[in-house]
Structures are given as C-alpha cells and as structure tokens.
C-alpha cells in the first residue's frame, strides 16, 4: 500500500518581511557585490547572452534576502558558474542557517534551465547527500522568463514545505511523515552544525581560489 501524504499547504508558507531576516547575509552580500563588479564589469561587451543574463540576475539578487557571486567567465565555451547564498526561511527549522547553492548556467540558458546543487549539507527529504535538489521548476516546467531569484524562492518554499511524493531520501521522508517533531529537531541540528556564516565564507574562499 502506498503511503498517504498529508495535504499540501499553500505554495509559500513563510513571510519574507521579518525585520531580522537577511541580516546574517550582510557580510556576504558586500563581498559578492564587490567581486561581481571588480572582476566582470569590464567583460560585459564581449560576454555571450547567457553571461549577460547571469550578470543581470546577480544584480537582482543584491537585496536583503539572497546574494549571488559569479565565479568564472568562459567566453569561448559560454558557461556561467555562480554561488547563491540565502538565509533559511523564517518559520522553518532552517531559519537560523545560511545556505549556499552552486548554479551552472549552460550555453543554452535561459532556453534551458540552470543546474542547481546545494553546497551546504542539509537534512531534507528533497535534497540528497550530493546536494541534488528535486524541483520540477528545473525540469519540464521551466520557462525562459523564470530567473535565479524565482528558483531560490521555490527552494525556500520547499524548505518550509517539503514535498514527500518527490522525496530523494526515503529515511528522511519517513521521519517527516511519521514524526514531524523529530524531523524538525534533525533539520535544526544539521542547520546549526553545517549552515553557519563561517562555513559559508570558507566555502566561498575555496571556490574562488
């Protein structure tokens, strides 16, 4: 017999207007804005279309809720790699953490979706041990009008409201369905251990070497 999944809550359960949300990101945002400006502003005239789109999206993410740093510029074979950093959504067991995603924009972006993987270790039924995240938006439902910001907001919504029917980690989804309190404790424990500001800054330094 297949398991019965709880009725899905509205898509966005969390509020982005809490006064203290995003404060931890301030040092990372400042560094990201500086890096994006210094290293890539002079290359705009000769960047391919997908790079120009990535630059635009980096500027759009220079706000309270998230930040994005472009890591390299491959103009001969246009691929764009970036790290996106965001705070865990309020009203979730991830709320105290800072999480990072590696985003790869291929030469067909934005006609085709970017590739997204978690760099931060996280306890979640829709994210496996390699950082792969199960998100329909990055597959058959992708449309070119969508952006990195849209993807990150959807991932935040997924952290607040996991999707059991698309689980990648059976033991975690089992805990989520059978013991929500234990699930929250495990998620909070992983967040406290792995999703720290020091870990995020260290990861960024290693990626930029």
Protein backbone atom coordinates (compact mmCIF):
# COMPACT_ATOMS: atom_id res chain seq x y z
CA UNK A 1 0.00 0.00 0.00
CA UNK A 2 1.40 3.38 -0.95
CA UNK A 3 1.82 5.91 1.87
CA UNK A 4 -0.77 8.62 2.35
CA UNK A 5 0.78 12.04 2.03
CA UNK A 6 -0.51 14.99 4.02
CA UNK A 7 -2.45 17.59 2.10
CA UNK A 8 -0.10 20.17 0.61
CA UNK A 9 -0.08 23.60 2.22
CA UNK A 10 -0.17 26.80 0.13
CA UNK A 11 2.94 27.20 -2.01
CA UNK A 12 4.60 29.88 0.09
CA UNK A 13 4.24 29.29 3.84
CA UNK A 14 6.87 31.75 5.00
CA UNK A 15 6.97 35.52 5.32
CA UNK A 16 9.89 37.43 3.81
CA UNK A 17 9.14 40.62 5.74
CA UNK A 18 10.57 39.73 9.16
CA UNK A 19 12.84 42.58 10.26
CA UNK A 20 15.82 40.45 11.23
CA UNK A 21 15.67 38.09 8.25
CA UNK A 22 18.64 38.56 5.95
CA UNK A 23 20.82 40.37 8.49
CA UNK A 24 23.33 37.49 8.64
CA UNK A 25 23.86 37.79 4.88
CA UNK A 26 25.21 41.34 5.07
CA UNK A 27 28.95 40.49 5.02
CA UNK A 28 28.48 38.02 2.17
CA UNK A 29 26.35 40.45 0.13
CA UNK A 30 29.01 43.16 0.41
CA UNK A 31 31.76 40.78 -0.73
CA UNK A 32 29.64 39.42 -3.59
CA UNK A 33 28.74 42.85 -4.95
CA UNK A 34 32.40 43.88 -4.85
CA UNK A 35 33.58 40.69 -6.60
CA UNK A 36 30.94 40.84 -9.32
CA UNK A 37 31.75 44.48 -10.06
CA UNK A 38 35.54 44.26 -10.00
CA UNK A 39 36.03 41.02 -11.89
CA UNK A 40 33.35 41.06 -14.55
CA UNK A 41 32.12 44.58 -15.29
CA UNK A 42 34.85 45.14 -17.91
CA UNK A 43 33.90 41.93 -19.75
CA UNK A 44 30.27 42.79 -20.49
CA UNK A 45 30.90 43.94 -24.04
CA UNK A 46 32.19 40.52 -25.12
CA UNK A 47 30.15 38.17 -22.95
CA UNK A 48 27.69 35.79 -24.52
CA UNK A 49 23.95 36.18 -23.95
CA UNK A 50 23.76 33.76 -21.04
CA UNK A 51 26.51 35.63 -19.21
CA UNK A 52 24.73 38.95 -19.62
CA UNK A 53 21.60 37.32 -18.21
CA UNK A 54 23.62 35.95 -15.28
CA UNK A 55 25.07 39.39 -14.56
CA UNK A 56 21.59 40.90 -14.58
CA UNK A 57 20.34 38.23 -12.22
CA UNK A 58 23.29 38.80 -9.86
CA UNK A 59 22.29 42.45 -9.58
CA UNK A 60 18.67 41.48 -8.91
CA UNK A 61 19.83 39.29 -6.04
CA UNK A 62 21.74 42.16 -4.39
CA UNK A 63 18.98 42.58 -1.83
CA UNK A 64 18.11 41.62 1.73
CA UNK A 65 17.08 38.04 1.07
CA UNK A 66 19.86 36.47 -1.01
CA UNK A 67 23.17 37.08 -2.75
CA UNK A 68 24.99 35.76 -5.80
CA UNK A 69 28.67 35.70 -6.78
CA UNK A 70 29.84 34.90 -10.29
CA UNK A 71 32.87 32.60 -10.08
CA UNK A 72 34.21 32.47 -13.62
CA UNK A 73 33.66 33.64 -17.16
CA UNK A 74 34.04 31.18 -20.00
CA UNK A 75 33.56 33.24 -23.15
CA UNK A 76 34.87 30.71 -25.67
CA UNK A 77 32.52 27.99 -24.42
CA UNK A 78 29.92 30.08 -22.64
CA UNK A 79 29.05 28.59 -19.28
CA UNK A 80 28.46 30.66 -16.18
CA UNK A 81 29.11 29.36 -12.67
CA UNK A 82 27.90 31.16 -9.57
CA UNK A 83 27.29 30.63 -5.87
CA UNK A 84 23.97 31.82 -4.48
CA UNK A 85 23.70 32.34 -0.73
CA UNK A 86 20.46 32.70 1.21
CA UNK A 87 19.19 32.58 4.76
CA UNK A 88 16.91 29.75 5.76
CA UNK A 89 13.25 30.78 5.55
CA UNK A 90 11.60 32.09 8.71
CA UNK A 91 9.13 29.82 10.46
CA UNK A 92 11.10 26.72 9.40
CA UNK A 93 13.71 24.57 11.17
CA UNK A 94 16.30 26.09 8.79
CA UNK A 95 15.68 29.71 9.84
CA UNK A 96 19.00 30.22 11.65
CA UNK A 97 21.18 28.93 8.81
CA UNK A 98 22.99 30.34 5.80
CA UNK A 99 22.74 28.03 2.79
CA UNK A 100 24.66 28.03 -0.48
CA UNK A 101 23.84 26.72 -3.93
CA UNK A 102 26.15 26.16 -6.87
CA UNK A 103 24.40 27.33 -10.03
CA UNK A 104 25.64 26.42 -13.53
CA UNK A 105 24.25 28.32 -16.50
CA UNK A 106 24.84 26.35 -19.68
CA UNK A 107 25.26 27.78 -23.20
CA UNK A 108 21.52 27.33 -23.88
CA UNK A 109 20.42 29.29 -20.81
CA UNK A 110 17.78 30.72 -20.45
CA UNK A 111 16.12 28.50 -23.04
CA UNK A 112 17.14 25.58 -20.84
CA UNK A 113 17.20 25.72 -17.03
CA UNK A 114 20.33 26.16 -14.98
CA UNK A 115 21.72 23.30 -12.90
CA UNK A 116 21.44 23.79 -9.13
CA UNK A 117 23.06 21.84 -6.29
CA UNK A 118 23.28 22.52 -2.56
CA UNK A 119 26.82 23.14 -1.35
CA UNK A 120 25.62 23.26 2.25
CA UNK A 121 24.86 19.92 3.86
CA UNK A 122 21.18 19.86 4.73
CA UNK A 123 18.67 17.46 6.28
CA UNK A 124 15.72 17.49 3.87
CA UNK A 125 13.73 14.77 2.05
CA UNK A 126 14.07 16.53 -1.33
CA UNK A 127 17.87 17.03 -1.19
CA UNK A 128 20.21 14.04 -1.37
CA UNK A 129 23.73 13.62 0.02
CA UNK A 130 25.30 15.02 -3.18
CA UNK A 131 23.29 18.23 -2.93
CA UNK A 132 20.90 17.35 -5.73
CA UNK A 133 17.53 19.01 -5.23
CA UNK A 134 14.27 17.70 -6.66
CA UNK A 135 12.44 20.69 -8.16
CA UNK A 136 10.05 20.49 -11.10
CA UNK A 137 10.85 24.09 -11.95
CA UNK A 138 14.31 22.96 -13.08
CA UNK A 139 12.87 20.35 -15.42
CA UNK A 140 9.78 20.02 -17.53
CA UNK A 141 8.11 23.14 -16.09
CA UNK A 142 10.97 25.51 -16.87
CA UNK A 143 10.21 28.60 -18.97
CA UNK A 144 12.84 31.18 -20.08
CA UNK A 145 11.06 34.02 -18.29
CA UNK A 146 11.91 32.48 -14.92
CA UNK A 147 15.05 33.57 -13.11
CA UNK A 148 17.57 32.56 -10.47
CA UNK A 149 15.58 34.54 -7.90
CA UNK A 150 12.45 32.55 -8.78
CA UNK A 151 14.35 29.27 -8.37
CA UNK A 152 15.78 30.28 -4.99
CA UNK A 153 12.35 31.38 -3.75
CA UNK A 154 10.96 28.00 -4.81
CA UNK A 155 13.77 26.24 -2.93
CA UNK A 156 12.98 28.33 0.15
CA UNK A 157 9.35 27.29 -0.18
CA UNK A 158 10.48 23.66 -0.44
CA UNK A 159 12.45 24.03 2.80
CA UNK A 160 9.36 25.38 4.51
CA UNK A 161 7.04 22.81 2.94
CA UNK A 162 8.77 19.58 1.80
CA UNK A 163 7.26 17.51 -1.00
CA UNK A 164 7.04 13.87 0.23
CA UNK A 165 5.92 12.47 -3.13
CA UNK A 166 9.17 13.67 -4.77
CA UNK A 167 11.50 12.62 -1.95
CA UNK A 168 15.12 11.71 -2.73
CA UNK A 169 15.95 10.38 0.75
CA UNK A 170 13.50 7.67 1.93
CA UNK A 171 14.58 7.65 5.59
CA UNK A 172 14.15 11.42 5.91
CA UNK A 173 10.72 11.47 4.28
CA UNK A 174 9.71 8.61 6.59
CA UNK A 175 10.68 10.69 9.60
CA UNK A 176 8.89 13.71 8.15
CA UNK A 177 5.66 11.76 7.71
CA UNK A 178 5.75 9.81 10.99
CA UNK A 179 7.35 12.21 13.47
CA UNK A 180 7.29 15.87 12.45
CA UNK A 181 8.84 16.99 15.75
CA UNK A 182 11.87 14.71 15.31
CA UNK A 183 12.21 15.85 11.70
CA UNK A 184 12.33 19.47 12.86
CA UNK A 185 14.93 18.64 15.51
CA UNK A 186 17.16 16.85 12.99
CA UNK A 187 16.83 19.65 10.44
CA UNK A 188 17.67 22.26 13.08
CA UNK A 189 20.67 20.21 14.27
CA UNK A 190 22.10 19.98 10.72
CA UNK A 191 21.46 23.69 10.25
CA UNK A 192 23.34 24.61 13.42
CA UNK A 193 26.25 22.35 12.51
CA UNK A 194 26.69 22.95 8.78
CA UNK A 195 24.85 26.14 7.76
CA UNK A 196 26.99 28.70 9.58
CA UNK A 197 28.34 32.04 8.39
CA UNK A 198 31.94 30.85 8.89
CA UNK A 199 31.28 27.76 6.76
CA UNK A 200 29.70 29.89 4.03
CA UNK A 201 32.62 32.33 3.95
CA UNK A 202 35.14 29.47 3.95
CA UNK A 203 33.34 27.72 1.12
CA UNK A 204 33.33 30.95 -0.89
CA UNK A 205 37.08 31.43 -0.37
CA UNK A 206 37.84 27.90 -1.55
CA UNK A 207 35.61 28.29 -4.62
CA UNK A 208 37.38 31.48 -5.64
CA UNK A 209 40.91 30.05 -5.39
